[in-house]
Amino acid sequence: MSKQTLQLLNQDFTIHSLDCDDTIPTTVLNASIFFIAKTDEELSIVCPSDIKLHSFSAEKHWRALEVVGPLGFSLTGIMADISGVLANANISIFAMSTYDTDFILVKEQQIDIAIHALKKDGYMVL
């Protein structure tokens, strides 16, 4: 299987944890890119860091690598391969998926190491 191409996004992201009953702020919904996940126990919002939220916990300074898509649902192992390369380089990730593609968030201070490890493994990073 050939390696996918990854695109480093320009934004700096923050991962927020909120109460599951909190309302999603309009500023998030108006952003050009954001990710939301909700369970019975929590509401997680990933958005550009310039959007200020009142969350009870926040992890700042994440950069996103987008797997250039669209990716078909029949494709397997994409996230496993990418996360394996980064795990072998001792890099922690936060992963998200959309209908068309996948996103891998890496802490800002490790993004250069992550890109180097991915390129060394045969990925193209734009």
C-alpha atoms as a PDB file:
ATOM      1  CA  MET A   1       0.000   0.000   0.000  1.00  0.00           C
ATOM      2  CA  SER A   2       1.388   3.423  -0.928  1.00  0.00           C
ATOM      3  CA  LYS A   3       1.738   6.051   1.763  1.00  0.00           C
ATOM      4  CA  GLN A   4      -0.755   8.880   1.985  1.00  0.00           C
ATOM      5  CA  THR A   5       0.085  12.550   1.629  1.00  0.00           C
ATOM      6  CA  LEU A   6      -0.343  14.682   4.737  1.00  0.00           C
ATOM      7  CA  GLN A   7      -0.971  18.431   4.856  1.00  0.00           C
ATOM      8  CA  LEU A   8       0.180  20.458   7.870  1.00  0.00           C
ATOM      9  CA  LEU A   9      -2.559  22.955   8.704  1.00  0.00           C
ATOM     10  CA  ASN A  10      -1.593  26.513   9.632  1.00  0.00           C
ATOM     11  CA  GLN A  11      -3.772  26.822  12.732  1.00  0.00           C
ATOM     12  CA  ASP A  12      -2.725  26.255  16.308  1.00  0.00           C
ATOM     13  CA  PHE A  13      -5.451  24.199  18.034  1.00  0.00           C
ATOM     14  CA  THR A  14      -6.691  23.801  21.602  1.00  0.00           C
ATOM     15  CA  ILE A  15      -8.486  20.691  22.837  1.00  0.00           C
ATOM     16  CA  HIS A  16     -11.216  21.624  25.343  1.00  0.00           C
ATOM     17  CA  SER A  17     -13.152  19.449  27.759  1.00  0.00           C
ATOM     18  CA  LEU A  18     -16.549  20.741  28.856  1.00  0.00           C
ATOM     19  CA  ASP A  19     -19.520  19.405  30.760  1.00  0.00           C
ATOM     20  CA  CYS A  20     -21.710  17.192  28.568  1.00  0.00           C
ATOM     21  CA  ASP A  21     -24.650  19.598  29.056  1.00  0.00           C
ATOM     22  CA  ASP A  22     -22.756  22.745  28.025  1.00  0.00           C
ATOM     23  CA  THR A  23     -23.916  24.654  24.966  1.00  0.00           C
ATOM     24  CA  ILE A  24     -21.595  24.784  21.977  1.00  0.00           C
ATOM     25  CA  PRO A  25     -20.545  28.441  21.619  1.00  0.00           C
ATOM     26  CA  THR A  26     -21.461  30.258  18.421  1.00  0.00           C
ATOM     27  CA  THR A  27     -17.833  31.322  18.003  1.00  0.00           C
ATOM     28  CA  VAL A  28     -16.919  27.650  17.569  1.00  0.00           C
ATOM     29  CA  LEU A  29     -19.731  27.015  15.101  1.00  0.00           C
ATOM     30  CA  ASN A  30     -18.628  30.044  13.053  1.00  0.00           C
ATOM     31  CA  ALA A  31     -14.990  28.904  12.848  1.00  0.00           C
ATOM     32  CA  SER A  32     -13.624  27.671   9.536  1.00  0.00           C
ATOM     33  CA  ILE A  33     -12.549  24.393  11.160  1.00  0.00           C
ATOM     34  CA  PHE A  34     -13.542  22.701  14.419  1.00  0.00           C
ATOM     35  CA  PHE A  35     -14.268  19.230  15.790  1.00  0.00           C
ATOM     36  CA  ILE A  36     -16.877  18.273  18.359  1.00  0.00           C
ATOM     37  CA  ALA A  37     -17.448  14.973  20.174  1.00  0.00           C
ATOM     38  CA  LYS A  38     -20.067  14.383  22.846  1.00  0.00           C
ATOM     39  CA  THR A  39     -20.799  11.472  25.172  1.00  0.00           C
ATOM     40  CA  ASP A  40     -22.963  11.064  28.249  1.00  0.00           C
ATOM     41  CA  GLU A  41     -19.952  12.178  30.282  1.00  0.00           C
ATOM     42  CA  GLU A  42     -18.260  14.981  28.373  1.00  0.00           C
ATOM     43  CA  LEU A  43     -18.220  17.417  25.500  1.00  0.00           C
ATOM     44  CA  SER A  44     -14.902  17.780  23.688  1.00  0.00           C
ATOM     45  CA  ILE A  45     -14.239  20.661  21.338  1.00  0.00           C
ATOM     46  CA  VAL A  46     -11.126  21.075  19.225  1.00  0.00           C
ATOM     47  CA  CYS A  47     -10.878  24.536  17.697  1.00  0.00           C
ATOM     48  CA  PRO A  48      -8.321  27.138  16.687  1.00  0.00           C
ATOM     49  CA  SER A  49      -6.563  28.512  19.763  1.00  0.00           C
ATOM     50  CA  ASP A  50      -7.620  32.081  19.044  1.00  0.00           C
ATOM     51  CA  ILE A  51     -11.179  31.066  20.029  1.00  0.00           C
ATOM     52  CA  LYS A  52     -11.421  31.478  23.792  1.00  0.00           C
ATOM     53  CA  LEU A  53     -13.724  29.025  25.571  1.00  0.00           C
ATOM     54  CA  HIS A  54     -14.655  28.645  29.232  1.00  0.00           C
ATOM     55  CA  SER A  55     -13.770  24.973  29.553  1.00  0.00           C
ATOM     56  CA  PHE A  56     -12.847  23.167  32.745  1.00  0.00           C
ATOM     57  CA  SER A  57      -9.782  21.695  31.071  1.00  0.00           C
ATOM     58  CA  ALA A  58      -7.829  22.689  27.978  1.00  0.00           C
ATOM     59  CA  GLU A  59      -4.738  21.406  26.168  1.00  0.00           C
ATOM     60  CA  LYS A  60      -3.152  24.173  24.095  1.00  0.00           C
ATOM     61  CA  HIS A  61      -0.643  24.251  21.261  1.00  0.00           C
ATOM     62  CA  TRP A  62      -1.572  21.332  19.000  1.00  0.00           C
ATOM     63  CA  ARG A  63      -0.868  21.258  15.261  1.00  0.00           C
ATOM     64  CA  ALA A  64      -2.937  19.242  12.805  1.00  0.00           C
ATOM     65  CA  LEU A  65      -1.812  16.969  10.000  1.00  0.00           C
ATOM     66  CA  GLU A  66      -4.632  16.234   7.555  1.00  0.00           C
ATOM     67  CA  VAL A  67      -4.531  13.047   5.536  1.00  0.00           C
ATOM     68  CA  VAL A  68      -5.180  14.387   2.032  1.00  0.00           C
ATOM     69  CA  GLY A  69      -8.430  12.781   0.919  1.00  0.00           C
ATOM     70  CA  PRO A  70     -11.076  11.936   0.307  1.00  0.00           C
ATOM     71  CA  LEU A  71     -10.437   8.498   1.739  1.00  0.00           C
ATOM     72  CA  GLY A  72     -12.731   5.611   0.925  1.00  0.00           C
ATOM     73  CA  PHE A  73     -14.349   3.650   3.731  1.00  0.00           C
ATOM     74  CA  SER A  74     -12.830   0.462   2.313  1.00  0.00           C
ATOM     75  CA  LEU A  75      -9.289   1.683   3.052  1.00  0.00           C
ATOM     76  CA  THR A  76      -7.818   0.081   6.154  1.00  0.00           C
ATOM     77  CA  GLY A  77      -4.884   0.736   8.422  1.00  0.00           C
ATOM     78  CA  ILE A  78      -4.285   4.390   7.582  1.00  0.00           C
ATOM     79  CA  MET A  79      -4.544   5.700  11.141  1.00  0.00           C
ATOM     80  CA  ALA A  80      -2.858   2.582  12.516  1.00  0.00           C
ATOM     81  CA  ASP A  81       0.160   3.092  10.253  1.00  0.00           C
ATOM     82  CA  ILE A  82       0.501   6.822  10.931  1.00  0.00           C
ATOM     83  CA  SER A  83      -0.019   6.469  14.677  1.00  0.00           C
ATOM     84  CA  GLY A  84       2.476   3.571  14.714  1.00  0.00           C
ATOM     85  CA  VAL A  85       5.162   5.688  13.063  1.00  0.00           C
ATOM     86  CA  LEU A  86       4.558   8.463  15.583  1.00  0.00           C
ATOM     87  CA  ALA A  87       4.397   6.060  18.549  1.00  0.00           C
ATOM     88  CA  ASN A  88       7.771   4.627  17.505  1.00  0.00           C
ATOM     89  CA  ALA A  89       9.102   8.204  17.590  1.00  0.00           C
ATOM     90  CA  ASN A  90       7.608   8.588  21.105  1.00  0.00           C
ATOM     91  CA  ILE A  91       5.093  11.192  19.914  1.00  0.00           C
ATOM     92  CA  SER A  92       1.657  11.374  21.496  1.00  0.00           C
ATOM     93  CA  ILE A  93      -1.295  12.114  19.195  1.00  0.00           C
ATOM     94  CA  PHE A  94      -4.941  13.148  19.311  1.00  0.00           C
ATOM     95  CA  ALA A  95      -6.795  11.663  16.325  1.00  0.00           C
ATOM     96  CA  MET A  96     -10.035  12.740  14.664  1.00  0.00           C
ATOM     97  CA  SER A  97     -11.899  11.647  11.569  1.00  0.00           C
ATOM     98  CA  THR A  98     -14.451  13.204   9.260  1.00  0.00           C
ATOM     99  CA  TYR A  99     -16.482  11.601   6.493  1.00  0.00           C
ATOM    100  CA  ASP A 100     -13.732  12.240   3.930  1.00  0.00           C
ATOM    101  CA  THR A 101     -10.465  12.135   5.844  1.00  0.00           C
ATOM    102  CA  ASP A 102      -8.482  11.838   9.059  1.00  0.00           C
ATOM    103  CA  PHE A 103      -6.628  14.378  11.175  1.00  0.00           C
ATOM    104  CA  ILE A 104      -3.727  13.735  13.528  1.00  0.00           C
ATOM    105  CA  LEU A 105      -2.957  16.379  16.130  1.00  0.00           C
ATOM    106  CA  VAL A 106       0.568  16.603  17.537  1.00  0.00           C
ATOM    107  CA  LYS A 107       1.862  18.970  20.203  1.00  0.00           C
ATOM    108  CA  GLU A 108       3.524  22.052  18.667  1.00  0.00           C
ATOM    109  CA  GLN A 109       6.922  21.309  20.226  1.00  0.00           C
ATOM    110  CA  GLN A 110       6.962  17.853  18.570  1.00  0.00           C
ATOM    111  CA  ILE A 111       5.606  18.699  15.108  1.00  0.00           C
ATOM    112  CA  ASP A 112       9.035  18.923  13.440  1.00  0.00           C
ATOM    113  CA  ILE A 113      10.057  15.545  14.904  1.00  0.00           C
ATOM    114  CA  ALA A 114       6.720  14.073  13.792  1.00  0.00           C
ATOM    115  CA  ILE A 115       7.111  15.350  10.243  1.00  0.00           C
ATOM    116  CA  HIS A 116      10.662  14.012  10.084  1.00  0.00           C
ATOM    117  CA  ALA A 117       9.549  10.561  11.302  1.00  0.00           C
ATOM    118  CA  LEU A 118       6.669  10.458   8.810  1.00  0.00           C
ATOM    119  CA  LYS A 119       8.879  11.514   5.881  1.00  0.00           C
ATOM    120  CA  LYS A 120      11.507   8.959   6.879  1.00  0.00           C
ATOM    121  CA  ASP A 121       8.762   6.299   6.725  1.00  0.00           C
ATOM    122  CA  GLY A 122       7.762   7.350   3.193  1.00  0.00           C
ATOM    123  CA  TYR A 123       4.955   9.829   3.798  1.00  0.00           C
ATOM    124  CA  MET A 124       4.848  13.091   1.871  1.00  0.00           C
ATOM    125  CA  VAL A 125       4.119  16.047   4.141  1.00  0.00           C
ATOM    126  CA  LEU A 126       3.087  19.337   2.556  1.00  0.00           C
END
